[in-house]
C-alpha atoms as a PDB file:
ATOM      1  CA  UNK A   1     -10.696   2.101 -20.498  1.00  0.00           C
ATOM      2  CA  UNK A   2      -7.629   0.529 -20.585  1.00  0.00           C
ATOM      3  CA  UNK A   3      -5.682   3.695 -19.437  1.00  0.00           C
ATOM      4  CA  UNK A   4      -8.261   4.707 -16.834  1.00  0.00           C
ATOM      5  CA  UNK A   5      -7.373   0.817 -15.427  1.00  0.00           C
ATOM      6  CA  UNK A   6      -3.483   2.162 -15.874  1.00  0.00           C
ATOM      7  CA  UNK A   7      -3.964   5.024 -13.669  1.00  0.00           C
ATOM      8  CA  UNK A   8      -6.278   3.325 -11.043  1.00  0.00           C
ATOM      9  CA  UNK A   9      -3.077   0.698 -10.344  1.00  0.00           C
ATOM     10  CA  UNK A  10      -0.408   2.994 -10.577  1.00  0.00           C
ATOM     11  CA  UNK A  11      -2.012   5.722  -7.956  1.00  0.00           C
ATOM     12  CA  UNK A  12      -3.150   2.103  -5.613  1.00  0.00           C
ATOM     13  CA  UNK A  13       0.256   1.089  -5.946  1.00  0.00           C
ATOM     14  CA  UNK A  14       2.153   4.476  -4.940  1.00  0.00           C
ATOM     15  CA  UNK A  15       0.259   4.781  -2.016  1.00  0.00           C
ATOM     16  CA  UNK A  16       2.042   5.485   0.812  1.00  0.00           C
ATOM     17  CA  UNK A  17       0.545   4.671   5.215  1.00  0.00           C
ATOM     18  CA  UNK A  18       0.195   8.591   5.397  1.00  0.00           C
ATOM     19  CA  UNK A  19      -0.929   9.158   2.130  1.00  0.00           C
ATOM     20  CA  UNK A  20      -3.632   6.033   1.982  1.00  0.00           C
ATOM     21  CA  UNK A  21      -5.423   8.139   4.441  1.00  0.00           C
ATOM     22  CA  UNK A  22      -5.978  10.666   2.036  1.00  0.00           C
ATOM     23  CA  UNK A  23      -7.098   8.588  -0.945  1.00  0.00           C
ATOM     24  CA  UNK A  24      -8.324   5.822   0.127  1.00  0.00           C
ATOM     25  CA  UNK A  25     -10.064   3.618   2.913  1.00  0.00           C
ATOM     26  CA  UNK A  26      -8.299   1.029   3.812  1.00  0.00           C
ATOM     27  CA  UNK A  27     -10.005  -2.211   6.067  1.00  0.00           C
ATOM     28  CA  UNK A  28      -7.689  -4.573   7.891  1.00  0.00           C
ATOM     29  CA  UNK A  29      -8.533  -8.444   7.218  1.00  0.00           C
ATOM     30  CA  UNK A  30      -7.967 -10.948  10.187  1.00  0.00           C
ATOM     31  CA  UNK A  31      -7.065 -13.985   7.153  1.00  0.00           C
ATOM     32  CA  UNK A  32      -5.207 -15.507   4.968  1.00  0.00           C
ATOM     33  CA  UNK A  33      -4.815 -13.242   1.057  1.00  0.00           C
ATOM     34  CA  UNK A  34      -6.910 -15.466  -0.683  1.00  0.00           C
ATOM     35  CA  UNK A  35      -9.632 -15.701   2.038  1.00  0.00           C
ATOM     36  CA  UNK A  36     -10.094 -11.429   1.217  1.00  0.00           C
ATOM     37  CA  UNK A  37      -9.912 -12.197  -2.479  1.00  0.00           C
ATOM     38  CA  UNK A  38     -12.719 -14.804  -1.730  1.00  0.00           C
ATOM     39  CA  UNK A  39     -14.350 -12.762   0.538  1.00  0.00           C
ATOM     40  CA  UNK A  40     -14.405  -9.029  -1.989  1.00  0.00           C
ATOM     41  CA  UNK A  41     -15.272 -11.066  -4.303  1.00  0.00           C
ATOM     42  CA  UNK A  42     -18.421 -12.682  -3.076  1.00  0.00           C
ATOM     43  CA  UNK A  43     -19.505  -9.681  -2.210  1.00  0.00           C
ATOM     44  CA  UNK A  44     -19.654  -8.235  -4.966  1.00  0.00           C
ATOM     45  CA  UNK A  45     -21.298 -11.690  -6.824  1.00  0.00           C
ATOM     46  CA  UNK A  46     -23.282 -11.303  -3.795  1.00  0.00           C
ATOM     47  CA  UNK A  47     -24.124  -7.148  -4.916  1.00  0.00           C
ATOM     48  CA  UNK A  48     -25.928  -8.690  -8.355  1.00  0.00           C
ATOM     49  CA  UNK A  49     -22.953  -7.344 -10.044  1.00  0.00           C
ATOM     50  CA  UNK A  50     -19.918  -8.635 -12.374  1.00  0.00           C
ATOM     51  CA  UNK A  51     -16.047  -8.725 -11.688  1.00  0.00           C
ATOM     52  CA  UNK A  52     -14.542  -7.534 -15.813  1.00  0.00           C
ATOM     53  CA  UNK A  53     -11.236  -8.284 -14.146  1.00  0.00           C
ATOM     54  CA  UNK A  54      -8.805  -8.686 -11.738  1.00  0.00           C
ATOM     55  CA  UNK A  55      -5.665  -7.204 -11.847  1.00  0.00           C
ATOM     56  CA  UNK A  56      -2.930  -9.309 -10.391  1.00  0.00           C
ATOM     57  CA  UNK A  57      -0.748  -5.801  -9.132  1.00  0.00           C
ATOM     58  CA  UNK A  58       1.482  -7.760  -7.113  1.00  0.00           C
ATOM     59  CA  UNK A  59       2.560  -9.969  -9.215  1.00  0.00           C
ATOM     60  CA  UNK A  60       4.199  -7.513 -11.824  1.00  0.00           C
ATOM     61  CA  UNK A  61       5.325  -5.256  -9.266  1.00  0.00           C
ATOM     62  CA  UNK A  62       7.584  -8.275  -7.967  1.00  0.00           C
ATOM     63  CA  UNK A  63       8.257  -9.427 -11.519  1.00  0.00           C
ATOM     64  CA  UNK A  64       9.300  -6.201 -12.706  1.00  0.00           C
ATOM     65  CA  UNK A  65      10.627  -4.752 -10.132  1.00  0.00           C
ATOM     66  CA  UNK A  66      14.139  -5.608 -10.958  1.00  0.00           C
ATOM     67  CA  UNK A  67      13.285  -3.796 -14.370  1.00  0.00           C
ATOM     68  CA  UNK A  68      12.864  -1.017 -13.523  1.00  0.00           C
ATOM     69  CA  UNK A  69      15.887  -0.924 -11.001  1.00  0.00           C
ATOM     70  CA  UNK A  70      14.364  -1.793  -8.138  1.00  0.00           C
ATOM     71  CA  UNK A  71      14.421  -4.306  -4.526  1.00  0.00           C
ATOM     72  CA  UNK A  72      11.768  -3.096  -2.686  1.00  0.00           C
ATOM     73  CA  UNK A  73       8.816  -5.923  -2.350  1.00  0.00           C
ATOM     74  CA  UNK A  74       5.425  -3.306  -2.152  1.00  0.00           C
ATOM     75  CA  UNK A  75       3.200  -5.855  -1.564  1.00  0.00           C
ATOM     76  CA  UNK A  76       3.503  -9.801  -0.730  1.00  0.00           C
ATOM     77  CA  UNK A  77       0.493 -10.199  -2.746  1.00  0.00           C
ATOM     78  CA  UNK A  78      -2.228  -7.526  -4.718  1.00  0.00           C
ATOM     79  CA  UNK A  79      -4.652  -7.952  -6.855  1.00  0.00           C
ATOM     80  CA  UNK A  80      -7.668  -5.259  -7.573  1.00  0.00           C
ATOM     81  CA  UNK A  81     -10.833  -6.647  -8.744  1.00  0.00           C
ATOM     82  CA  UNK A  82     -12.515  -4.310 -11.407  1.00  0.00           C
ATOM     83  CA  UNK A  83     -16.572  -3.794 -11.368  1.00  0.00           C
ATOM     84  CA  UNK A  84     -19.255  -1.222 -12.721  1.00  0.00           C
ATOM     85  CA  UNK A  85     -23.197  -0.961 -11.761  1.00  0.00           C
ATOM     86  CA  UNK A  86     -24.767   0.015 -14.351  1.00  0.00           C
ATOM     87  CA  UNK A  87     -27.947   1.532 -12.691  1.00  0.00           C
ATOM     88  CA  UNK A  88     -25.509   3.708 -10.269  1.00  0.00           C
ATOM     89  CA  UNK A  89     -23.664   4.587 -12.913  1.00  0.00           C
ATOM     90  CA  UNK A  90     -25.760   5.487 -15.265  1.00  0.00           C
ATOM     91  CA  UNK A  91     -26.903   7.555 -12.233  1.00  0.00           C
ATOM     92  CA  UNK A  92     -23.861   9.481 -11.450  1.00  0.00           C
ATOM     93  CA  UNK A  93     -22.806  10.143 -14.991  1.00  0.00           C
ATOM     94  CA  UNK A  94     -26.690  11.941 -15.682  1.00  0.00           C
ATOM     95  CA  UNK A  95     -25.731  13.926 -12.573  1.00  0.00           C
ATOM     96  CA  UNK A  96     -23.088  14.787 -14.204  1.00  0.00           C
ATOM     97  CA  UNK A  97     -21.447  13.051 -17.632  1.00  0.00           C
ATOM     98  CA  UNK A  98     -17.470  13.665 -16.153  1.00  0.00           C
ATOM     99  CA  UNK A  99     -17.830  11.299 -13.876  1.00  0.00           C
ATOM    100  CA  UNK A 100     -16.927   8.256 -16.257  1.00  0.00           C
ATOM    101  CA  UNK A 101     -13.449   9.916 -15.139  1.00  0.00           C
ATOM    102  CA  UNK A 102     -14.084   7.181 -11.551  1.00  0.00           C
ATOM    103  CA  UNK A 103     -15.519   4.229 -14.142  1.00  0.00           C
ATOM    104  CA  UNK A 104     -14.735   1.456 -13.458  1.00  0.00           C
ATOM    105  CA  UNK A 105     -14.892   0.683  -9.906  1.00  0.00           C
ATOM    106  CA  UNK A 106     -12.692  -1.294  -7.666  1.00  0.00           C
ATOM    107  CA  UNK A 107     -11.366  -2.770  -4.131  1.00  0.00           C
ATOM    108  CA  UNK A 108      -7.702  -4.243  -3.946  1.00  0.00           C
ATOM    109  CA  UNK A 109      -6.801  -7.011  -1.135  1.00  0.00           C
ATOM    110  CA  UNK A 110      -3.460  -6.526  -0.705  1.00  0.00           C
ATOM    111  CA  UNK A 111      -0.746  -8.184   1.534  1.00  0.00           C
ATOM    112  CA  UNK A 112       2.331  -6.316   2.966  1.00  0.00           C
ATOM    113  CA  UNK A 113       4.566  -7.196   6.079  1.00  0.00           C
ATOM    114  CA  UNK A 114       2.263 -10.360   6.469  1.00  0.00           C
ATOM    115  CA  UNK A 115      -0.937  -7.615   7.224  1.00  0.00           C
ATOM    116  CA  UNK A 116      -3.610  -8.105   5.092  1.00  0.00           C
ATOM    117  CA  UNK A 117      -6.006  -5.081   4.036  1.00  0.00           C
ATOM    118  CA  UNK A 118      -8.657  -4.748   1.890  1.00  0.00           C
ATOM    119  CA  UNK A 119     -10.034  -1.635   0.318  1.00  0.00           C
ATOM    120  CA  UNK A 120     -10.938   1.179  -2.686  1.00  0.00           C
ATOM    121  CA  UNK A 121     -10.232   5.225  -3.392  1.00  0.00           C
ATOM    122  CA  UNK A 122     -11.759   7.567  -2.237  1.00  0.00           C
ATOM    123  CA  UNK A 123     -14.289   9.573  -4.416  1.00  0.00           C
ATOM    124  CA  UNK A 124     -15.174  13.146  -4.103  1.00  0.00           C
ATOM    125  CA  UNK A 125     -18.144  14.876  -2.901  1.00  0.00           C
ATOM    126  CA  UNK A 126     -21.434  15.202  -4.422  1.00  0.00           C
ATOM    127  CA  UNK A 127     -23.114  11.653  -6.655  1.00  0.00           C
ATOM    128  CA  UNK A 128     -19.888  10.245  -6.529  1.00  0.00           C
ATOM    129  CA  UNK A 129     -20.434   9.014  -2.584  1.00  0.00           C
ATOM    130  CA  UNK A 130     -23.222   6.910  -3.428  1.00  0.00           C
ATOM    131  CA  UNK A 131     -20.905   4.805  -6.054  1.00  0.00           C
ATOM    132  CA  UNK A 132     -18.742   5.420  -2.340  1.00  0.00           C
ATOM    133  CA  UNK A 133     -20.934   3.901  -0.262  1.00  0.00           C
ATOM    134  CA  UNK A 134     -21.490   0.630  -2.755  1.00  0.00           C
ATOM    135  CA  UNK A 135     -17.957   0.340  -2.317  1.00  0.00           C
ATOM    136  CA  UNK A 136     -17.496   0.265   1.683  1.00  0.00           C
ATOM    137  CA  UNK A 137     -20.242  -2.109   1.980  1.00  0.00           C
ATOM    138  CA  UNK A 138     -18.355  -4.263  -0.345  1.00  0.00           C
ATOM    139  CA  UNK A 139     -15.138  -4.056   1.347  1.00  0.00           C
ATOM    140  CA  UNK A 140     -17.202  -4.167   5.012  1.00  0.00           C
ATOM    141  CA  UNK A 141     -18.862  -7.593   3.919  1.00  0.00           C
ATOM    142  CA  UNK A 142     -15.463  -8.976   2.789  1.00  0.00           C
ATOM    143  CA  UNK A 143     -13.362  -7.875   6.308  1.00  0.00           C
ATOM    144  CA  UNK A 144     -16.590  -9.128   8.306  1.00  0.00           C
ATOM    145  CA  UNK A 145     -18.063  -6.186   9.247  1.00  0.00           C
END
């Protein structure tokens, strides 16, 4: 499970604006980073889901930049909310047990150059589109759409 989380974090951290269009859905948030994280947390809990972990990815990237020889600020702040849905996960894994590769699910909040965004990675066609619909519902609720 830890390797899945790390892989997810690395894939989100490495996104560029052009590349993000192919691998994730991102919504702008009109407000502060703190308000966006509160919105995401509230939307997830409001669906009756439990947040397993909040990865403070932005803090890690900023803290380790010099250690890896970089002075690039990727995000001012970035958190990833990791969670699962027992009902939905069972459904997609009964359709194809290898959908385990997509679990747990994550929604990120990031602040870059003063812009706050909420998003999630996209999933393949088929049963995982039901998961993507859930993530989209949560992200839209969090940004006020």
